[in-house]
C-alpha atoms as a PDB file:
ATOM      1  CA  MET A   1      16.412  -5.660  -6.567  1.00  0.00           C
ATOM      2  CA  ALA A   2      19.061  -8.320  -6.126  1.00  0.00           C
ATOM      3  CA  GLN A   3      19.295  -8.903  -9.880  1.00  0.00           C
ATOM      4  CA  GLU A   4      19.970  -5.184 -10.310  1.00  0.00           C
ATOM      5  CA  GLY A   5      22.841  -5.352  -7.838  1.00  0.00           C
ATOM      6  CA  ALA A   6      21.264  -4.341  -4.546  1.00  0.00           C
ATOM      7  CA  SER A   7      22.258  -5.943  -1.263  1.00  0.00           C
ATOM      8  CA  VAL A   8      18.915  -6.944   0.227  1.00  0.00           C
ATOM      9  CA  VAL A   9      17.486  -7.336   3.704  1.00  0.00           C
ATOM     10  CA  VAL A  10      14.561  -9.735   3.353  1.00  0.00           C
ATOM     11  CA  ASN A  11      12.152  -9.030   6.202  1.00  0.00           C
ATOM     12  CA  ASP A  12       9.338 -11.483   6.730  1.00  0.00           C
ATOM     13  CA  LEU A  13       7.665 -12.403   9.992  1.00  0.00           C
ATOM     14  CA  GLY A  14       6.635 -15.649   8.334  1.00  0.00           C
ATOM     15  CA  CYS A  15       3.027 -15.359   9.440  1.00  0.00           C
ATOM     16  CA  ALA A  16      -0.183 -16.546   7.795  1.00  0.00           C
ATOM     17  CA  PRO A  17      -2.055 -14.113   5.520  1.00  0.00           C
ATOM     18  CA  ASP A  18      -4.219 -13.068   8.488  1.00  0.00           C
ATOM     19  CA  GLY A  19      -1.139 -11.975  10.459  1.00  0.00           C
ATOM     20  CA  THR A  20      -1.031 -14.886  12.899  1.00  0.00           C
ATOM     21  CA  GLY A  21       1.937 -17.153  13.575  1.00  0.00           C
ATOM     22  CA  LYS A  22       5.635 -16.756  12.912  1.00  0.00           C
ATOM     23  CA  SER A  23       8.325 -18.646  10.984  1.00  0.00           C
ATOM     24  CA  ALA A  24      11.785 -17.842   9.652  1.00  0.00           C
ATOM     25  CA  THR A  25      11.302 -20.148   6.665  1.00  0.00           C
ATOM     26  CA  LEU A  26       9.926 -17.652   4.142  1.00  0.00           C
ATOM     27  CA  ALA A  27      12.631 -15.017   4.573  1.00  0.00           C
ATOM     28  CA  ASP A  28      15.326 -17.692   4.540  1.00  0.00           C
ATOM     29  CA  GLU A  29      13.999 -19.157   1.300  1.00  0.00           C
ATOM     30  CA  VAL A  30      14.236 -15.810  -0.480  1.00  0.00           C
ATOM     31  CA  VAL A  31      17.711 -15.135   0.918  1.00  0.00           C
ATOM     32  CA  ASN A  32      18.918 -18.529  -0.239  1.00  0.00           C
ATOM     33  CA  GLU A  33      17.452 -17.948  -3.715  1.00  0.00           C
ATOM     34  CA  ILE A  34      19.249 -14.615  -4.009  1.00  0.00           C
ATOM     35  CA  LYS A  35      22.540 -16.084  -2.813  1.00  0.00           C
ATOM     36  CA  SER A  36      22.243 -19.049  -5.190  1.00  0.00           C
ATOM     37  CA  LYS A  37      22.190 -16.558  -8.066  1.00  0.00           C
ATOM     38  CA  GLY A  38      25.240 -14.684  -6.834  1.00  0.00           C
ATOM     39  CA  GLY A  39      23.452 -11.895  -4.979  1.00  0.00           C
ATOM     40  CA  LYS A  40      23.846 -10.547  -1.452  1.00  0.00           C
ATOM     41  CA  ALA A  41      21.058 -10.904   1.084  1.00  0.00           C
ATOM     42  CA  VAL A  42      20.353 -11.422   4.783  1.00  0.00           C
ATOM     43  CA  ALA A  43      17.129 -12.369   6.541  1.00  0.00           C
ATOM     44  CA  ASN A  44      15.246 -10.525   9.258  1.00  0.00           C
ATOM     45  CA  ASN A  45      12.175 -11.883  11.051  1.00  0.00           C
ATOM     46  CA  ASP A  46      11.060  -8.881  13.093  1.00  0.00           C
ATOM     47  CA  SER A  47       7.502  -7.565  13.053  1.00  0.00           C
ATOM     48  CA  VAL A  48       6.970  -4.124  11.533  1.00  0.00           C
ATOM     49  CA  ILE A  49       4.103  -3.315  13.911  1.00  0.00           C
ATOM     50  CA  THR A  50       6.441  -2.405  16.784  1.00  0.00           C
ATOM     51  CA  MET A  51       8.904   0.468  16.984  1.00  0.00           C
ATOM     52  CA  GLU A  52      11.585  -1.963  18.126  1.00  0.00           C
ATOM     53  CA  GLY A  53      10.925  -4.201  15.138  1.00  0.00           C
ATOM     54  CA  GLY A  54      11.241  -1.320  12.696  1.00  0.00           C
ATOM     55  CA  GLN A  55      14.497  -0.260  14.325  1.00  0.00           C
ATOM     56  CA  ARG A  56      15.960  -3.753  14.114  1.00  0.00           C
ATOM     57  CA  ILE A  57      14.982  -4.106  10.452  1.00  0.00           C
ATOM     58  CA  VAL A  58      16.806  -0.876   9.590  1.00  0.00           C
ATOM     59  CA  ASN A  59      19.760  -1.848  11.786  1.00  0.00           C
ATOM     60  CA  THR A  60      20.040  -5.151   9.913  1.00  0.00           C
ATOM     61  CA  ALA A  61      20.803  -3.258   6.706  1.00  0.00           C
ATOM     62  CA  VAL A  62      23.340  -0.931   8.309  1.00  0.00           C
ATOM     63  CA  ASP A  63      25.041  -3.667  10.336  1.00  0.00           C
ATOM     64  CA  ASN A  64      25.433  -5.977   7.348  1.00  0.00           C
ATOM     65  CA  PHE A  65      25.937  -3.566   4.450  1.00  0.00           C
ATOM     66  CA  GLY A  66      27.066  -0.307   6.060  1.00  0.00           C
ATOM     67  CA  ARG A  67      24.246   1.891   4.716  1.00  0.00           C
ATOM     68  CA  LEU A  68      20.588   2.027   3.719  1.00  0.00           C
ATOM     69  CA  ASP A  69      19.648   3.434   0.311  1.00  0.00           C
ATOM     70  CA  ILE A  70      16.255   1.882  -0.458  1.00  0.00           C
ATOM     71  CA  LEU A  71      13.275   1.047   1.730  1.00  0.00           C
ATOM     72  CA  VAL A  72      10.337  -0.875   0.238  1.00  0.00           C
ATOM     73  CA  ASN A  73       7.408  -1.129   2.667  1.00  0.00           C
ATOM     74  CA  ASN A  74       5.633  -4.275   1.570  1.00  0.00           C
ATOM     75  CA  ALA A  75       4.414  -6.008   4.751  1.00  0.00           C
ATOM     76  CA  GLY A  76       0.766  -7.032   4.744  1.00  0.00           C
ATOM     77  CA  ALA A  77      -2.007  -8.812   6.629  1.00  0.00           C
ATOM     78  CA  TYR A  78      -5.586  -9.385   5.588  1.00  0.00           C
ATOM     79  CA  ARG A  79      -8.937  -9.972   7.279  1.00  0.00           C
ATOM     80  CA  LEU A  80     -12.095 -10.105   5.148  1.00  0.00           C
ATOM     81  CA  SER A  81     -15.129  -8.742   6.986  1.00  0.00           C
ATOM     82  CA  MET A  82     -17.969  -6.278   6.518  1.00  0.00           C
ATOM     83  CA  LEU A  83     -17.532  -3.351   8.883  1.00  0.00           C
ATOM     84  CA  GLU A  84     -20.674  -4.233  10.839  1.00  0.00           C
ATOM     85  CA  ASP A  85     -19.198  -7.648  11.656  1.00  0.00           C
ATOM     86  CA  MET A  86     -15.581  -6.518  12.069  1.00  0.00           C
ATOM     87  CA  THR A  87     -13.953  -6.993  15.462  1.00  0.00           C
ATOM     88  CA  GLU A  88     -11.499  -4.576  17.017  1.00  0.00           C
ATOM     89  CA  GLU A  89      -8.743  -7.154  16.596  1.00  0.00           C
ATOM     90  CA  GLU A  90      -9.535  -7.525  12.879  1.00  0.00           C
ATOM     91  CA  TRP A  91      -9.319  -3.753  12.517  1.00  0.00           C
ATOM     92  CA  ASP A  92      -6.151  -3.334  14.578  1.00  0.00           C
ATOM     93  CA  ILE A  93      -3.975  -6.025  12.969  1.00  0.00           C
ATOM     94  CA  VAL A  94      -4.561  -4.724   9.433  1.00  0.00           C
ATOM     95  CA  ILE A  95      -4.093  -1.048  10.317  1.00  0.00           C
ATOM     96  CA  ALA A  96      -0.991  -1.878  12.373  1.00  0.00           C
ATOM     97  CA  THR A  97       0.634  -3.943   9.641  1.00  0.00           C
ATOM     98  CA  HIS A  98      -0.128  -1.812   6.600  1.00  0.00           C
ATOM     99  CA  LEU A  99       0.057   1.698   8.051  1.00  0.00           C
ATOM    100  CA  LYS A 100       1.918   1.721  11.358  1.00  0.00           C
ATOM    101  CA  GLY A 101       4.302  -0.852   9.924  1.00  0.00           C
ATOM    102  CA  GLN A 102       5.385   1.628   7.270  1.00  0.00           C
ATOM    103  CA  PHE A 103       5.816   4.341   9.900  1.00  0.00           C
ATOM    104  CA  THR A 104       8.062   2.218  12.125  1.00  0.00           C
ATOM    105  CA  CYS A 105      10.503   1.446   9.320  1.00  0.00           C
ATOM    106  CA  ILE A 106      10.437   4.885   7.696  1.00  0.00           C
ATOM    107  CA  LYS A 107      11.016   6.704  10.979  1.00  0.00           C
ATOM    108  CA  HIS A 108      14.228   4.807  11.650  1.00  0.00           C
ATOM    109  CA  ALA A 109      15.401   5.001   8.020  1.00  0.00           C
ATOM    110  CA  ILE A 110      15.092   8.784   7.710  1.00  0.00           C
ATOM    111  CA  PRO A 111      18.114   9.803   9.837  1.00  0.00           C
ATOM    112  CA  ILE A 112      20.366   7.472   7.858  1.00  0.00           C
ATOM    113  CA  MET A 113      19.126   8.698   4.485  1.00  0.00           C
ATOM    114  CA  ARG A 114      19.343  12.345   5.578  1.00  0.00           C
ATOM    115  CA  ARG A 115      22.990  11.920   6.543  1.00  0.00           C
ATOM    116  CA  GLN A 116      23.662  10.320   3.171  1.00  0.00           C
ATOM    117  CA  ARG A 117      21.671  13.066   1.393  1.00  0.00           C
ATOM    118  CA  SER A 118      19.989  10.361  -0.670  1.00  0.00           C
ATOM    119  CA  GLY A 119      17.406   7.638  -0.375  1.00  0.00           C
ATOM    120  CA  ARG A 120      14.399   5.962  -1.934  1.00  0.00           C
ATOM    121  CA  ILE A 121      11.221   5.165   0.008  1.00  0.00           C
ATOM    122  CA  ILE A 122       8.715   3.057  -1.938  1.00  0.00           C
ATOM    123  CA  ASN A 123       5.431   2.298  -0.200  1.00  0.00           C
ATOM    124  CA  ILE A 124       2.993  -0.386  -1.262  1.00  0.00           C
ATOM    125  CA  ALA A 125      -0.544   1.013  -1.385  1.00  0.00           C
ATOM    126  CA  SER A 126      -3.557  -0.470  -3.175  1.00  0.00           C
ATOM    127  CA  GLU A 127      -6.421   0.353  -5.499  1.00  0.00           C
ATOM    128  CA  SER A 128      -8.554  -0.689  -2.543  1.00  0.00           C
ATOM    129  CA  ALA A 129      -7.883   2.826  -1.243  1.00  0.00           C
ATOM    130  CA  LEU A 130     -10.570   3.859  -3.739  1.00  0.00           C
ATOM    131  CA  GLY A 131     -13.043   1.808  -1.691  1.00  0.00           C
ATOM    132  CA  HIS A 132     -13.624  -1.932  -1.518  1.00  0.00           C
ATOM    133  CA  PRO A 133     -16.435  -3.801   0.291  1.00  0.00           C
ATOM    134  CA  GLY A 134     -15.383  -6.343   2.870  1.00  0.00           C
ATOM    135  CA  GLN A 135     -12.070  -4.706   3.693  1.00  0.00           C
ATOM    136  CA  ALA A 136     -12.771  -1.314   5.244  1.00  0.00           C
ATOM    137  CA  GLN A 137      -9.689  -1.405   7.455  1.00  0.00           C
ATOM    138  CA  TYR A 138      -7.456  -2.428   4.548  1.00  0.00           C
ATOM    139  CA  SER A 139      -8.870   0.342   2.353  1.00  0.00           C
ATOM    140  CA  ALA A 140      -8.436   2.869   5.162  1.00  0.00           C
ATOM    141  CA  ALA A 141      -4.838   1.806   5.763  1.00  0.00           C
ATOM    142  CA  LYS A 142      -3.914   1.968   2.085  1.00  0.00           C
ATOM    143  CA  ALA A 143      -5.502   5.404   1.704  1.00  0.00           C
ATOM    144  CA  GLY A 144      -3.409   6.418   4.696  1.00  0.00           C
ATOM    145  CA  VAL A 145      -0.302   5.127   2.946  1.00  0.00           C
ATOM    146  CA  LEU A 146      -0.962   7.522   0.061  1.00  0.00           C
ATOM    147  CA  GLY A 147      -1.223  10.490   2.412  1.00  0.00           C
ATOM    148  CA  LEU A 148       1.925   9.362   4.203  1.00  0.00           C
ATOM    149  CA  THR A 149       3.766   9.026   0.882  1.00  0.00           C
ATOM    150  CA  ARG A 150       2.875  12.534  -0.265  1.00  0.00           C
ATOM    151  CA  THR A 151       3.795  14.092   3.075  1.00  0.00           C
ATOM    152  CA  LEU A 152       7.177  12.354   3.111  1.00  0.00           C
ATOM    153  CA  ALA A 153       7.872  13.684  -0.382  1.00  0.00           C
ATOM    154  CA  LEU A 154       7.369  17.228   0.886  1.00  0.00           C
ATOM    155  CA  GLU A 155       9.397  16.716   4.052  1.00  0.00           C
ATOM    156  CA  LEU A 156      12.322  14.776   2.630  1.00  0.00           C
ATOM    157  CA  GLY A 157      12.741  15.890  -0.983  1.00  0.00           C
ATOM    158  CA  GLN A 158      15.186  18.613   0.014  1.00  0.00           C
ATOM    159  CA  TYR A 159      17.556  15.941   1.304  1.00  0.00           C
ATOM    160  CA  GLY A 160      17.619  13.983  -1.944  1.00  0.00           C
ATOM    161  CA  ILE A 161      15.138  11.429  -0.628  1.00  0.00           C
ATOM    162  CA  THR A 162      12.131  10.481  -2.751  1.00  0.00           C
ATOM    163  CA  SER A 163       8.879   8.916  -1.570  1.00  0.00           C
ATOM    164  CA  ASN A 164       6.491   7.191  -3.967  1.00  0.00           C
ATOM    165  CA  ALA A 165       3.759   4.560  -3.799  1.00  0.00           C
ATOM    166  CA  ILE A 166       2.772   1.559  -5.875  1.00  0.00           C
ATOM    167  CA  ARG A 167      -0.738   0.146  -6.199  1.00  0.00           C
ATOM    168  CA  PRO A 168       0.086  -3.348  -7.466  1.00  0.00           C
ATOM    169  CA  ARG A 169      -2.220  -5.846  -9.062  1.00  0.00           C
ATOM    170  CA  ALA A 170      -0.432  -9.030  -8.131  1.00  0.00           C
ATOM    171  CA  VAL A 171      -1.756 -12.349  -6.866  1.00  0.00           C
ATOM    172  CA  THR A 172       0.487 -13.030  -3.904  1.00  0.00           C
ATOM    173  CA  LYS A 173      -0.066 -15.553  -1.121  1.00  0.00           C
ATOM    174  CA  THR A 174      -2.346 -13.104   0.670  1.00  0.00           C
ATOM    175  CA  VAL A 175      -4.333 -11.938  -2.358  1.00  0.00           C
ATOM    176  CA  GLY A 176      -4.705 -15.431  -3.783  1.00  0.00           C
ATOM    177  CA  ALA A 177      -6.424 -16.696  -0.640  1.00  0.00           C
ATOM    178  CA  THR A 178      -8.628 -13.614  -0.588  1.00  0.00           C
ATOM    179  CA  VAL A 179      -9.796 -13.873  -4.202  1.00  0.00           C
ATOM    180  CA  ARG A 180     -10.820 -17.483  -3.703  1.00  0.00           C
ATOM    181  CA  ASN A 181     -13.051 -16.587  -0.753  1.00  0.00           C
ATOM    182  CA  MET A 182     -14.349 -13.225  -1.878  1.00  0.00           C
ATOM    183  CA  ALA A 183     -17.067 -14.161  -4.406  1.00  0.00           C
ATOM    184  CA  LYS A 184     -18.829 -16.510  -1.995  1.00  0.00           C
ATOM    185  CA  TYR A 185     -18.569 -14.029   0.853  1.00  0.00           C
ATOM    186  CA  PHE A 186     -19.957 -11.130  -1.175  1.00  0.00           C
ATOM    187  CA  LYS A 187     -22.894 -13.226  -2.399  1.00  0.00           C
ATOM    188  CA  ILE A 188     -23.881 -14.008   1.190  1.00  0.00           C
ATOM    189  CA  ALA A 189     -23.490 -10.357   2.195  1.00  0.00           C
ATOM    190  CA  ARG A 190     -25.529  -9.203  -0.847  1.00  0.00           C
ATOM    191  CA  VAL A 191     -22.686  -7.012  -2.059  1.00  0.00           C
ATOM    192  CA  PRO A 192     -21.762  -6.934  -5.793  1.00  0.00           C
ATOM    193  CA  TYR A 193     -18.551  -8.796  -6.551  1.00  0.00           C
ATOM    194  CA  PRO A 194     -16.053  -6.163  -7.800  1.00  0.00           C
ATOM    195  CA  ALA A 195     -15.548  -6.308 -11.561  1.00  0.00           C
ATOM    196  CA  PHE A 196     -11.951  -5.423 -10.707  1.00  0.00           C
ATOM    197  CA  PHE A 197     -11.224  -9.115 -10.081  1.00  0.00           C
ATOM    198  CA  LEU A 198     -13.259 -10.800 -12.785  1.00  0.00           C
ATOM    199  CA  GLY A 199     -11.233 -12.743 -15.336  1.00  0.00           C
ATOM    200  CA  SER A 200      -7.930 -11.018 -14.618  1.00  0.00           C
ATOM    201  CA  ALA A 201      -6.564 -12.227 -11.302  1.00  0.00           C
ATOM    202  CA  ASP A 202      -4.792 -15.221 -12.858  1.00  0.00           C
ATOM    203  CA  LYS A 203      -2.752 -12.826 -15.046  1.00  0.00           C
ATOM    204  CA  TRP A 204      -1.503 -10.577 -12.225  1.00  0.00           C
ATOM    205  CA  ARG A 205       2.018 -11.659 -11.336  1.00  0.00           C
ATOM    206  CA  PRO A 206       4.338 -10.091  -8.750  1.00  0.00           C
ATOM    207  CA  GLU A 207       7.166 -10.503 -11.269  1.00  0.00           C
ATOM    208  CA  ASP A 208       5.488  -7.883 -13.469  1.00  0.00           C
ATOM    209  CA  VAL A 209       5.429  -5.332 -10.648  1.00  0.00           C
ATOM    210  CA  ALA A 210       8.986  -5.719  -9.355  1.00  0.00           C
ATOM    211  CA  PRO A 211      10.844  -3.977 -12.224  1.00  0.00           C
ATOM    212  CA  PHE A 212       9.017  -0.677 -11.751  1.00  0.00           C
ATOM    213  CA  ILE A 213       9.704  -0.736  -8.023  1.00  0.00           C
ATOM    214  CA  ALA A 214      13.380  -1.252  -8.840  1.00  0.00           C
ATOM    215  CA  TYR A 215      13.205   1.590 -11.368  1.00  0.00           C
ATOM    216  CA  LEU A 216      11.914   4.025  -8.736  1.00  0.00           C
ATOM    217  CA  ALA A 217      15.040   3.196  -6.720  1.00  0.00           C
ATOM    218  CA  THR A 218      17.426   4.247  -9.493  1.00  0.00           C
ATOM    219  CA  ASP A 219      19.283   7.543  -9.897  1.00  0.00           C
ATOM    220  CA  GLU A 220      17.333   8.118 -13.107  1.00  0.00           C
ATOM    221  CA  ALA A 221      14.088   8.333 -11.086  1.00  0.00           C
ATOM    222  CA  ALA A 222      15.422  11.052  -8.766  1.00  0.00           C
ATOM    223  CA  ASN A 223      12.837  13.611  -9.908  1.00  0.00           C
ATOM    224  CA  ILE A 224       9.822  11.344  -9.314  1.00  0.00           C
ATOM    225  CA  ASN A 225       8.661  12.254  -5.817  1.00  0.00           C
ATOM    226  CA  GLY A 226       5.258  12.129  -4.150  1.00  0.00           C
ATOM    227  CA  TYR A 227       3.430  10.123  -6.809  1.00  0.00           C
ATOM    228  CA  ASP A 228       1.641   6.792  -6.952  1.00  0.00           C
ATOM    229  CA  PHE A 229       1.335   4.278  -9.760  1.00  0.00           C
ATOM    230  CA  VAL A 230      -0.860   1.303 -10.623  1.00  0.00           C
ATOM    231  CA  VAL A 231       1.352  -1.495 -11.947  1.00  0.00           C
ATOM    232  CA  TYR A 232       0.280  -4.836 -13.432  1.00  0.00           C
ATOM    233  CA  ASN A 233       0.768  -7.155 -16.409  1.00  0.00           C
ATOM    234  CA  GLY A 234       2.931  -4.812 -18.480  1.00  0.00           C
ATOM    235  CA  THR A 235       0.908  -1.714 -17.569  1.00  0.00           C
ATOM    236  CA  VAL A 236       2.137   1.246 -15.504  1.00  0.00           C
ATOM    237  CA  SER A 237      -0.368   4.041 -14.808  1.00  0.00           C
ATOM    238  CA  LEU A 238       0.366   7.344 -13.117  1.00  0.00           C
ATOM    239  CA  MET A 239      -2.540   8.093 -10.791  1.00  0.00           C
ATOM    240  CA  SER A 240      -3.986  11.573 -10.411  1.00  0.00           C
ATOM    241  CA  LYS A 241      -3.845  13.427  -7.125  1.00  0.00           C
ATOM    242  CA  PRO A 242      -7.239  14.401  -5.671  1.00  0.00           C
ATOM    243  CA  GLN A 243      -8.442  17.795  -6.782  1.00  0.00           C
ATOM    244  CA  ALA A 244     -11.700  19.741  -6.888  1.00  0.00           C
ATOM    245  CA  ILE A 245     -13.946  18.718  -9.796  1.00  0.00           C
ATOM    246  CA  LYS A 246     -16.481  21.512  -9.509  1.00  0.00           C
ATOM    247  CA  SER A 247     -17.584  24.027  -6.882  1.00  0.00           C
ATOM    248  CA  ILE A 248     -20.498  26.227  -5.922  1.00  0.00           C
ATOM    249  CA  TYR A 249     -20.117  29.635  -4.301  1.00  0.00           C
ATOM    250  CA  HIS A 250     -22.505  31.584  -2.097  1.00  0.00           C
ATOM    251  CA  PRO A 251     -22.294  35.377  -2.441  1.00  0.00           C
ATOM    252  CA  GLY A 252     -23.009  35.797   1.256  1.00  0.00           C
ATOM    253  CA  GLY A 253     -20.342  33.332   2.374  1.00  0.00           C
ATOM    254  CA  ARG A 254     -22.582  30.630   3.869  1.00  0.00           C
ATOM    255  CA  TRP A 255     -25.192  28.268   2.482  1.00  0.00           C
ATOM    256  CA  THR A 256     -28.423  27.357   4.245  1.00  0.00           C
ATOM    257  CA  VAL A 257     -29.671  23.788   4.110  1.00  0.00           C
ATOM    258  CA  ASP A 258     -32.747  24.842   2.096  1.00  0.00           C
ATOM    259  CA  GLU A 259     -30.548  26.604  -0.442  1.00  0.00           C
ATOM    260  CA  LEU A 260     -28.339  23.537  -0.779  1.00  0.00           C
ATOM    261  CA  ILE A 261     -31.401  21.330  -1.311  1.00  0.00           C
ATOM    262  CA  ASN A 262     -32.338  23.510  -4.269  1.00  0.00           C
ATOM    263  CA  VAL A 263     -28.868  24.077  -5.751  1.00  0.00           C
ATOM    264  CA  VAL A 264     -26.794  20.909  -5.226  1.00  0.00           C
ATOM    265  CA  PRO A 265     -28.929  18.465  -7.299  1.00  0.00           C
ATOM    266  CA  THR A 266     -28.422  20.546 -10.444  1.00  0.00           C
ATOM    267  CA  THR A 267     -24.773  21.458  -9.807  1.00  0.00           C
ATOM    268  CA  LEU A 268     -22.430  19.384  -7.634  1.00  0.00           C
ATOM    269  CA  ALA A 269     -24.592  16.259  -7.674  1.00  0.00           C
ATOM    270  CA  ALA A 270     -25.855  16.559 -11.251  1.00  0.00           C
ATOM    271  CA  ASP A 271     -23.770  13.663 -12.594  1.00  0.00           C
ATOM    272  CA  LEU A 272     -23.223  11.643  -9.424  1.00  0.00           C
ATOM    273  CA  VAL A 273     -24.096   7.949  -9.428  1.00  0.00           C
ATOM    274  CA  ASN A 274     -24.729   5.906  -6.293  1.00  0.00           C
ATOM    275  CA  PRO A 275     -22.219   2.991  -6.499  1.00  0.00           C
ATOM    276  CA  ALA A 276     -24.435   0.814  -4.299  1.00  0.00           C
ATOM    277  CA  PRO A 277     -28.093   1.830  -4.661  1.00  0.00           C
ATOM    278  CA  PRO A 278     -30.657   0.430  -2.204  1.00  0.00           C
ATOM    279  CA  LEU A 279     -31.926  -3.074  -2.899  1.00  0.00           C
ATOM    280  CA  PRO A 280     -35.576  -3.355  -4.054  1.00  0.00           C
ATOM    281  CA  ASP A 281     -36.626  -4.639  -0.631  1.00  0.00           C
ATOM    282  CA  ALA A 282     -34.744  -1.943   1.312  1.00  0.00           C
END
C-alpha cells in the first residue's frame, strides 16, 4: 500500500500468535520501514476486539491524514484445538479477534466513508471457512467474515463503498507456527493431515498476496463488490458464492421421514462423499 502511495496506519497489538501479550515493536518496525523508503505511516497499538480500540484505530487515520479511504481487516489470533478439547477462552479470543475485530473497525469507518461517498473495505478471510480440523473457532470466524463482507457490499455499495474478502495462502508468523505443529497434533488426534498444506507452505509468501489487496483498493476496482478471492504464489481465484446444487420437491408440500429415507439416497445424496468416514474400530 505504501509503495503505491497510500498513507498507512499500521495497527498491531504486538501480541504472540495466540493473542497473548502486547508490544509496540512490530508496528513500529513496519512504520520505520515504510518511512525509510519515503512513504508515510504511523503506528497504532490498540486491540481490535474492543469498540474503543476500533474507534481509536480509525481516529488515528483521520487525525494524522485527514481522511480514511481504505480499511484492510487483517488482525489475527490462533489456537489449535479439537472442539471437544477447546476451552471457552480458546473459542472467545479467536472469534473476537477475527470476527468482532472486523466489526469494531468497520463500524467506525462507515460514517467517514459515507460522507466521502467512497471507500474500500477489504476483509481477510480464509480457505479454512470451508472446514478445517483443529480450528473450529477459526473456521467459524472466517466463514462469518464472508457473510459480513457480502452484507456490507449490499448495504454500502450505493455510497461508492466496496466490500470484498481475500482468502490468502501466506505463511505469516501465525501460520508458520501453526504448520509446524499441525502434523504432529493431527496424528495424535487421528485426523488426516490436510493435503492443503503438503509441499506448498514454503512457497506461500505474503508478498504475493499484497498486490491484489492493493488492487482492490484502486479506482479501477470500483465495480468489484461483495466477492472473495483466493490469492497465493501468482494465482488469483474468484470464489463462487453458495448456491443450490440440486433439489427435490414434494407435490404435497411436506416430506415425511420415511419418504426422505427412500428418495434422498438416490437424489440429493447420490454423489455425496463422507470427508471423514468412521475408522475401522469405530
